[in-house]
PDB file of N, CA and C in Angstrom:
ATOM      1  N   UNK A   1      96.025  47.423  36.846  1.00  0.00           N
ATOM      2  CA  UNK A   1      95.778  46.311  35.973  1.00  0.00           C
ATOM      3  C   UNK A   1      94.349  45.828  36.182  1.00  0.00           C
ATOM      4  N   UNK A   2      93.609  45.683  35.119  1.00  0.00           N
ATOM      5  CA  UNK A   2      92.253  45.158  35.175  1.00  0.00           C
ATOM      6  C   UNK A   2      92.249  43.737  34.651  1.00  0.00           C
ATOM      7  N   UNK A   3      91.503  42.894  35.283  1.00  0.00           N
ATOM      8  CA  UNK A   3      91.358  41.515  34.839  1.00  0.00           C
ATOM      9  C   UNK A   3      89.886  41.231  34.710  1.00  0.00           C
ATOM     10  N   UNK A   4      89.533  40.503  33.673  1.00  0.00           N
ATOM     11  CA  UNK A   4      88.126  40.183  33.488  1.00  0.00           C
ATOM     12  C   UNK A   4      87.979  38.713  33.117  1.00  0.00           C
ATOM     13  N   UNK A   5      86.806  38.190  33.370  1.00  0.00           N
ATOM     14  CA  UNK A   5      86.473  36.846  32.951  1.00  0.00           C
ATOM     15  C   UNK A   5      85.755  36.966  31.624  1.00  0.00           C
ATOM     16  N   UNK A   6      86.453  36.680  30.541  1.00  0.00           N
ATOM     17  CA  UNK A   6      85.819  36.883  29.246  1.00  0.00           C
ATOM     18  C   UNK A   6      86.145  35.736  28.299  1.00  0.00           C
ATOM     19  N   UNK A   7      85.213  34.853  28.123  1.00  0.00           N
ATOM     20  CA  UNK A   7      85.232  33.821  27.106  1.00  0.00           C
ATOM     21  C   UNK A   7      83.831  33.230  27.064  1.00  0.00           C
ATOM     22  N   UNK A   8      83.533  32.457  26.039  1.00  0.00           N
ATOM     23  CA  UNK A   8      82.201  31.868  25.936  1.00  0.00           C
ATOM     24  C   UNK A   8      81.955  30.874  27.067  1.00  0.00           C
ATOM     25  N   UNK A   9      82.963  30.087  27.421  1.00  0.00           N
ATOM     26  CA  UNK A   9      82.807  29.090  28.480  1.00  0.00           C
ATOM     27  C   UNK A   9      82.604  29.779  29.821  1.00  0.00           C
ATOM     28  N   UNK A  10      83.409  30.793  30.090  1.00  0.00           N
ATOM     29  CA  UNK A  10      83.312  31.502  31.365  1.00  0.00           C
ATOM     30  C   UNK A  10      81.993  32.255  31.464  1.00  0.00           C
ATOM     31  N   UNK A  11      81.593  32.890  30.394  1.00  0.00           N
ATOM     32  CA  UNK A  11      80.340  33.652  30.419  1.00  0.00           C
ATOM     33  C   UNK A  11      79.154  32.745  30.717  1.00  0.00           C
ATOM     34  N   UNK A  12      79.198  31.517  30.227  1.00  0.00           N
ATOM     35  CA  UNK A  12      78.117  30.575  30.479  1.00  0.00           C
ATOM     36  C   UNK A  12      78.118  30.028  31.896  1.00  0.00           C
ATOM     37  N   UNK A  13      79.240  30.161  32.587  1.00  0.00           N
ATOM     38  CA  UNK A  13      79.366  29.625  33.946  1.00  0.00           C
ATOM     39  C   UNK A  13      79.751  30.708  34.946  1.00  0.00           C
ATOM     40  N   UNK A  14      79.313  31.916  34.688  1.00  0.00           N
ATOM     41  CA  UNK A  14      79.712  33.045  35.533  1.00  0.00           C
ATOM     42  C   UNK A  14      79.202  32.921  36.961  1.00  0.00           C
ATOM     43  N   UNK A  15      78.086  32.223  37.173  1.00  0.00           N
ATOM     44  CA  UNK A  15      77.561  32.071  38.532  1.00  0.00           C
ATOM     45  C   UNK A  15      78.497  31.249  39.415  1.00  0.00           C
ATOM     46  N   UNK A  16      79.275  30.369  38.814  1.00  0.00           N
ATOM     47  CA  UNK A  16      80.221  29.533  39.557  1.00  0.00           C
ATOM     48  C   UNK A  16      81.596  30.186  39.632  1.00  0.00           C
ATOM     49  N   UNK A  17      82.064  30.717  38.490  1.00  0.00           N
ATOM     50  CA  UNK A  17      83.442  31.205  38.405  1.00  0.00           C
ATOM     51  C   UNK A  17      83.646  32.611  38.963  1.00  0.00           C
ATOM     52  N   UNK A  18      82.653  33.466  38.878  1.00  0.00           N
ATOM     53  CA  UNK A  18      82.811  34.833  39.383  1.00  0.00           C
ATOM     54  C   UNK A  18      83.087  34.876  40.882  1.00  0.00           C
ATOM     55  N   UNK A  19      82.304  34.157  41.716  1.00  0.00           N
ATOM     56  CA  UNK A  19      82.623  34.174  43.151  1.00  0.00           C
ATOM     57  C   UNK A  19      84.005  33.592  43.454  1.00  0.00           C
ATOM     58  N   UNK A  20      84.428  32.579  42.692  1.00  0.00           N
ATOM     59  CA  UNK A  20      85.766  32.013  42.899  1.00  0.00           C
ATOM     60  C   UNK A  20      86.851  33.048  42.612  1.00  0.00           C
ATOM     61  N   UNK A  21      86.669  33.808  41.541  1.00  0.00           N
ATOM     62  CA  UNK A  21      87.655  34.832  41.189  1.00  0.00           C
ATOM     63  C   UNK A  21      87.716  35.920  42.253  1.00  0.00           C
ATOM     64  N   UNK A  22      86.563  36.378  42.704  1.00  0.00           N
ATOM     65  CA  UNK A  22      86.519  37.435  43.726  1.00  0.00           C
ATOM     66  C   UNK A  22      87.106  36.931  45.040  1.00  0.00           C
ATOM     67  N   UNK A  23      86.716  35.728  45.456  1.00  0.00           N
ATOM     68  CA  UNK A  23      87.233  35.171  46.705  1.00  0.00           C
ATOM     69  C   UNK A  23      88.744  34.972  46.650  1.00  0.00           C
ATOM     70  N   UNK A  24      89.263  34.580  45.494  1.00  0.00           N
ATOM     71  CA  UNK A  24      90.706  34.382  45.341  1.00  0.00           C
ATOM     72  C   UNK A  24      91.464  35.694  45.524  1.00  0.00           C
ATOM     73  N   UNK A  25      90.954  36.748  44.945  1.00  0.00           N
ATOM     74  CA  UNK A  25      91.602  38.054  45.081  1.00  0.00           C
ATOM     75  C   UNK A  25      91.505  38.548  46.521  1.00  0.00           C
ATOM     76  N   UNK A  26      90.342  38.381  47.138  1.00  0.00           N
ATOM     77  CA  UNK A  26      90.180  38.845  48.514  1.00  0.00           C
ATOM     78  C   UNK A  26      91.069  38.078  49.490  1.00  0.00           C
ATOM     79  N   UNK A  27      91.362  36.797  49.186  1.00  0.00           N
ATOM     80  CA  UNK A  27      92.229  35.994  50.060  1.00  0.00           C
ATOM     81  C   UNK A  27      93.649  36.540  50.120  1.00  0.00           C
ATOM     82  N   UNK A  28      94.137  37.134  49.022  1.00  0.00           N
ATOM     83  CA  UNK A  28      95.525  37.614  48.986  1.00  0.00           C
ATOM     84  C   UNK A  28      95.631  39.119  49.174  1.00  0.00           C
ATOM     85  N   UNK A  29      94.511  39.764  49.442  1.00  0.00           N
ATOM     86  CA  UNK A  29      94.515  41.204  49.695  1.00  0.00           C
ATOM     87  C   UNK A  29      95.288  41.475  50.980  1.00  0.00           C
ATOM     88  N   UNK A  30      96.361  42.288  50.919  1.00  0.00           N
ATOM     89  CA  UNK A  30      97.184  42.524  52.108  1.00  0.00           C
ATOM     90  C   UNK A  30      96.414  43.094  53.290  1.00  0.00           C
ATOM     91  N   UNK A  31      95.516  44.018  53.047  1.00  0.00           N
ATOM     92  CA  UNK A  31      94.683  44.582  54.112  1.00  0.00           C
ATOM     93  C   UNK A  31      93.394  45.086  53.480  1.00  0.00           C
ATOM     94  N   UNK A  32      92.393  45.332  54.292  1.00  0.00           N
ATOM     95  CA  UNK A  32      91.091  45.732  53.758  1.00  0.00           C
ATOM     96  C   UNK A  32      91.097  47.125  53.134  1.00  0.00           C
ATOM     97  N   UNK A  33      92.063  47.959  53.506  1.00  0.00           N
ATOM     98  CA  UNK A  33      92.102  49.300  52.925  1.00  0.00           C
ATOM     99  C   UNK A  33      93.031  49.368  51.711  1.00  0.00           C
ATOM    100  N   UNK A  34      93.707  48.269  51.397  1.00  0.00           N
ATOM    101  CA  UNK A  34      94.611  48.221  50.256  1.00  0.00           C
ATOM    102  C   UNK A  34      93.846  47.694  49.041  1.00  0.00           C
ATOM    103  N   UNK A  35      94.088  48.280  47.879  1.00  0.00           N
ATOM    104  CA  UNK A  35      93.402  47.833  46.668  1.00  0.00           C
ATOM    105  C   UNK A  35      94.362  47.237  45.642  1.00  0.00           C
ATOM    106  N   UNK A  36      95.652  47.185  45.944  1.00  0.00           N
ATOM    107  CA  UNK A  36      96.626  46.620  45.013  1.00  0.00           C
ATOM    108  C   UNK A  36      96.901  45.169  45.362  1.00  0.00           C
ATOM    109  N   UNK A  37      96.740  44.294  44.377  1.00  0.00           N
ATOM    110  CA  UNK A  37      96.944  42.863  44.560  1.00  0.00           C
ATOM    111  C   UNK A  37      97.865  42.373  43.460  1.00  0.00           C
ATOM    112  N   UNK A  38      98.830  41.537  43.815  1.00  0.00           N
ATOM    113  CA  UNK A  38      99.701  40.929  42.821  1.00  0.00           C
ATOM    114  C   UNK A  38      99.038  39.647  42.338  1.00  0.00           C
ATOM    115  N   UNK A  39      98.456  39.677  41.139  1.00  0.00           N
ATOM    116  CA  UNK A  39      97.716  38.536  40.616  1.00  0.00           C
ATOM    117  C   UNK A  39      98.616  37.339  40.323  1.00  0.00           C
ATOM    118  N   UNK A  40      99.926  37.538  40.352  1.00  0.00           N
ATOM    119  CA  UNK A  40     100.834  36.397  40.192  1.00  0.00           C
ATOM    120  C   UNK A  40     100.803  35.494  41.420  1.00  0.00           C
ATOM    121  N   UNK A  41     100.180  35.962  42.506  1.00  0.00           N
ATOM    122  CA  UNK A  41     100.023  35.143  43.705  1.00  0.00           C
ATOM    123  C   UNK A  41      98.861  34.158  43.590  1.00  0.00           C
ATOM    124  N   UNK A  42      98.098  34.255  42.504  1.00  0.00           N
ATOM    125  CA  UNK A  42      96.989  33.334  42.254  1.00  0.00           C
ATOM    126  C   UNK A  42      97.380  32.445  41.092  1.00  0.00           C
ATOM    127  N   UNK A  43      97.245  31.154  41.293  1.00  0.00           N
ATOM    128  CA  UNK A  43      97.602  30.216  40.232  1.00  0.00           C
ATOM    129  C   UNK A  43      96.377  29.390  39.855  1.00  0.00           C
ATOM    130  N   UNK A  44      96.172  29.229  38.566  1.00  0.00           N
ATOM    131  CA  UNK A  44      95.091  28.392  38.064  1.00  0.00           C
ATOM    132  C   UNK A  44      95.715  27.098  37.591  1.00  0.00           C
ATOM    133  N   UNK A  45      95.310  25.996  38.198  1.00  0.00           N
ATOM    134  CA  UNK A  45      95.832  24.683  37.828  1.00  0.00           C
ATOM    135  C   UNK A  45      94.731  23.936  37.097  1.00  0.00           C
ATOM    136  N   UNK A  46      94.993  23.565  35.855  1.00  0.00           N
ATOM    137  CA  UNK A  46      93.981  22.908  35.018  1.00  0.00           C
ATOM    138  C   UNK A  46      94.161  21.393  35.078  1.00  0.00           C
ATOM    139  N   UNK A  47      93.068  20.687  35.217  1.00  0.00           N
ATOM    140  CA  UNK A  47      93.070  19.226  35.206  1.00  0.00           C
ATOM    141  C   UNK A  47      92.090  18.758  34.132  1.00  0.00           C
ATOM    142  N   UNK A  48      92.526  17.824  33.315  1.00  0.00           N
ATOM    143  CA  UNK A  48      91.655  17.284  32.283  1.00  0.00           C
ATOM    144  C   UNK A  48      90.620  16.348  32.899  1.00  0.00           C
ATOM    145  N   UNK A  49      89.423  16.351  32.332  1.00  0.00           N
ATOM    146  CA  UNK A  49      88.403  15.408  32.735  1.00  0.00           C
ATOM    147  C   UNK A  49      87.421  15.922  33.764  1.00  0.00           C
ATOM    148  N   UNK A  50      87.669  17.062  34.336  1.00  0.00           N
ATOM    149  CA  UNK A  50      86.757  17.606  35.337  1.00  0.00           C
ATOM    150  C   UNK A  50      85.665  18.439  34.698  1.00  0.00           C
ATOM    151  N   UNK A  51      84.748  18.890  35.533  1.00  0.00           N
ATOM    152  CA  UNK A  51      83.683  19.762  35.056  1.00  0.00           C
ATOM    153  C   UNK A  51      83.815  21.124  35.724  1.00  0.00           C
ATOM    154  N   UNK A  52      83.127  22.097  35.181  1.00  0.00           N
ATOM    155  CA  UNK A  52      83.143  23.446  35.756  1.00  0.00           C
ATOM    156  C   UNK A  52      82.589  23.403  37.181  1.00  0.00           C
ATOM    157  N   UNK A  53      81.591  22.585  37.420  1.00  0.00           N
ATOM    158  CA  UNK A  53      80.973  22.495  38.741  1.00  0.00           C
ATOM    159  C   UNK A  53      81.947  21.955  39.789  1.00  0.00           C
ATOM    160  N   UNK A  54      82.974  21.225  39.375  1.00  0.00           N
ATOM    161  CA  UNK A  54      83.965  20.679  40.299  1.00  0.00           C
ATOM    162  C   UNK A  54      85.098  21.660  40.598  1.00  0.00           C
ATOM    163  N   UNK A  55      85.064  22.824  39.972  1.00  0.00           N
ATOM    164  CA  UNK A  55      86.100  23.829  40.178  1.00  0.00           C
ATOM    165  C   UNK A  55      86.052  24.315  41.619  1.00  0.00           C
ATOM    166  N   UNK A  56      87.229  24.437  42.225  1.00  0.00           N
ATOM    167  CA  UNK A  56      87.284  24.882  43.611  1.00  0.00           C
ATOM    168  C   UNK A  56      88.527  25.718  43.861  1.00  0.00           C
ATOM    169  N   UNK A  57      88.457  26.535  44.896  1.00  0.00           N
ATOM    170  CA  UNK A  57      89.602  27.312  45.324  1.00  0.00           C
ATOM    171  C   UNK A  57      90.260  26.570  46.475  1.00  0.00           C
ATOM    172  N   UNK A  58      91.568  26.424  46.398  1.00  0.00           N
ATOM    173  CA  UNK A  58      92.316  25.767  47.460  1.00  0.00           C
ATOM    174  C   UNK A  58      93.142  26.834  48.157  1.00  0.00           C
ATOM    175  N   UNK A  59      92.914  26.992  49.444  1.00  0.00           N
ATOM    176  CA  UNK A  59      93.647  27.976  50.236  1.00  0.00           C
ATOM    177  C   UNK A  59      94.915  27.307  50.757  1.00  0.00           C
ATOM    178  N   UNK A  60      96.023  27.566  50.112  1.00  0.00           N
ATOM    179  CA  UNK A  60      97.294  26.953  50.520  1.00  0.00           C
ATOM    180  C   UNK A  60      98.118  26.578  49.305  1.00  0.00           C
ATOM    181  N   UNK A  61      98.820  25.466  49.430  1.00  0.00           N
ATOM    182  CA  UNK A  61      99.722  25.024  48.375  1.00  0.00           C
ATOM    183  C   UNK A  61      99.172  23.763  47.742  1.00  0.00           C
ATOM    184  N   UNK A  62      99.200  23.704  46.425  1.00  0.00           N
ATOM    185  CA  UNK A  62      98.778  22.515  45.698  1.00  0.00           C
ATOM    186  C   UNK A  62     100.023  21.874  45.105  1.00  0.00           C
ATOM    187  N   UNK A  63     100.207  20.600  45.397  1.00  0.00           N
ATOM    188  CA  UNK A  63     101.320  19.854  44.827  1.00  0.00           C
ATOM    189  C   UNK A  63     100.784  19.006  43.683  1.00  0.00           C
ATOM    190  N   UNK A  64     101.072  19.386  42.443  1.00  0.00           N
ATOM    191  CA  UNK A  64     100.540  18.627  41.308  1.00  0.00           C
ATOM    192  C   UNK A  64     101.186  17.237  41.228  1.00  0.00           C
ATOM    193  N   UNK A  65     100.534  16.338  40.527  1.00  0.00           N
ATOM    194  CA  UNK A  65     101.024  14.976  40.400  1.00  0.00           C
ATOM    195  C   UNK A  65     102.145  14.815  39.381  1.00  0.00           C
ATOM    196  N   UNK A  66     102.430  15.829  38.616  1.00  0.00           N
ATOM    197  CA  UNK A  66     103.469  15.693  37.598  1.00  0.00           C
ATOM    198  C   UNK A  66     104.857  15.956  38.195  1.00  0.00           C
ATOM    199  N   UNK A  67     105.869  15.389  37.558  1.00  0.00           N
ATOM    200  CA  UNK A  67     107.240  15.541  38.038  1.00  0.00           C
ATOM    201  C   UNK A  67     107.810  16.890  37.593  1.00  0.00           C
ATOM    202  N   UNK A  68     108.727  17.461  38.377  1.00  0.00           N
ATOM    203  CA  UNK A  68     109.395  18.683  37.919  1.00  0.00           C
ATOM    204  C   UNK A  68     110.294  18.368  36.731  1.00  0.00           C
ATOM    205  N   UNK A  69     110.405  19.294  35.854  1.00  0.00           N
ATOM    206  CA  UNK A  69     111.207  19.109  34.648  1.00  0.00           C
ATOM    207  C   UNK A  69     112.689  19.120  34.977  1.00  0.00           C
ATOM    208  N   UNK A  70     113.406  18.146  34.432  1.00  0.00           N
ATOM    209  CA  UNK A  70     114.859  18.095  34.626  1.00  0.00           C
ATOM    210  C   UNK A  70     115.513  19.326  34.012  1.00  0.00           C
ATOM    211  N   UNK A  71     115.015  19.760  32.860  1.00  0.00           N
ATOM    212  CA  UNK A  71     115.601  20.919  32.184  1.00  0.00           C
ATOM    213  C   UNK A  71     115.388  22.209  32.972  1.00  0.00           C
ATOM    214  N   UNK A  72     114.377  22.215  33.874  1.00  0.00           N
ATOM    215  CA  UNK A  72     114.117  23.401  34.693  1.00  0.00           C
ATOM    216  C   UNK A  72     114.847  23.332  36.028  1.00  0.00           C
ATOM    217  N   UNK A  73     115.771  22.371  36.156  1.00  0.00           N
ATOM    218  CA  UNK A  73     116.534  22.254  37.389  1.00  0.00           C
ATOM    219  C   UNK A  73     115.923  21.303  38.401  1.00  0.00           C
ATOM    220  N   UNK A  74     114.887  20.564  37.987  1.00  0.00           N
ATOM    221  CA  UNK A  74     114.258  19.608  38.892  1.00  0.00           C
ATOM    222  C   UNK A  74     115.103  18.360  39.056  1.00  0.00           C
ATOM    223  N   UNK A  75     114.880  17.631  40.134  1.00  0.00           N
ATOM    224  CA  UNK A  75     115.679  16.430  40.388  1.00  0.00           C
ATOM    225  C   UNK A  75     115.304  15.295  39.432  1.00  0.00           C
ATOM    226  N   UNK A  76     116.270  14.418  39.153  1.00  0.00           N
ATOM    227  CA  UNK A  76     115.983  13.251  38.333  1.00  0.00           C
ATOM    228  C   UNK A  76     115.546  12.085  39.202  1.00  0.00           C
ATOM    229  N   UNK A  77     115.943  12.092  40.476  1.00  0.00           N
ATOM    230  CA  UNK A  77     115.472  11.083  41.422  1.00  0.00           C
ATOM    231  C   UNK A  77     115.622  11.630  42.836  1.00  0.00           C
ATOM    232  N   UNK A  78     114.823  11.086  43.742  1.00  0.00           N
ATOM    233  CA  UNK A  78     114.873  11.506  45.143  1.00  0.00           C
ATOM    234  C   UNK A  78     114.973  10.239  45.987  1.00  0.00           C
ATOM    235  N   UNK A  79     116.013  10.136  46.793  1.00  0.00           N
ATOM    236  CA  UNK A  79     116.210   8.963  47.640  1.00  0.00           C
ATOM    237  C   UNK A  79     115.814   9.302  49.076  1.00  0.00           C
ATOM    238  N   UNK A  80     115.085   8.392  49.709  1.00  0.00           N
ATOM    239  CA  UNK A  80     114.631   8.544  51.094  1.00  0.00           C
ATOM    240  C   UNK A  80     113.923   9.879  51.345  1.00  0.00           C
ATOM    241  N   UNK A  81     112.880  10.193  50.573  1.00  0.00           N
ATOM    242  CA  UNK A  81     112.194  11.469  50.783  1.00  0.00           C
ATOM    243  C   UNK A  81     111.413  11.471  52.081  1.00  0.00           C
ATOM    244  N   UNK A  82     111.282  12.624  52.671  1.00  0.00           N
ATOM    245  CA  UNK A  82     110.458  12.822  53.858  1.00  0.00           C
ATOM    246  C   UNK A  82     109.373  13.813  53.472  1.00  0.00           C
ATOM    247  N   UNK A  83     108.128  13.398  53.649  1.00  0.00           N
ATOM    248  CA  UNK A  83     107.003  14.212  53.209  1.00  0.00           C
ATOM    249  C   UNK A  83     106.122  14.502  54.412  1.00  0.00           C
ATOM    250  N   UNK A  84     105.783  15.775  54.582  1.00  0.00           N
ATOM    251  CA  UNK A  84     104.888  16.172  55.661  1.00  0.00           C
ATOM    252  C   UNK A  84     103.531  16.514  55.071  1.00  0.00           C
ATOM    253  N   UNK A  85     102.492  15.912  55.615  1.00  0.00           N
ATOM    254  CA  UNK A  85     101.138  16.232  55.202  1.00  0.00           C
ATOM    255  C   UNK A  85     100.463  16.921  56.374  1.00  0.00           C
ATOM    256  N   UNK A  86     100.115  18.182  56.167  1.00  0.00           N
ATOM    257  CA  UNK A  86      99.542  18.976  57.265  1.00  0.00           C
ATOM    258  C   UNK A  86      98.056  19.127  57.087  1.00  0.00           C
TER     259      UNK A  86
END
């Protein structure tokens, strides 16, 4: 599978976005001699109001501010939650 950065916005900001794309793939590479990567392990989370220059790669888990959908099996309420921030 080949993936490319191809759009007018991306082409204009390739100096910022290209290293992010390469670094993201290299982070999930199983070993240095392996060339197969499951791109489903990389998630792009879009936020309104930001700029391209504020784009960053987060190594780990991102918890978005939106609630899980009830129709997707998400909870309707959570009582006495315990949250760990590491």
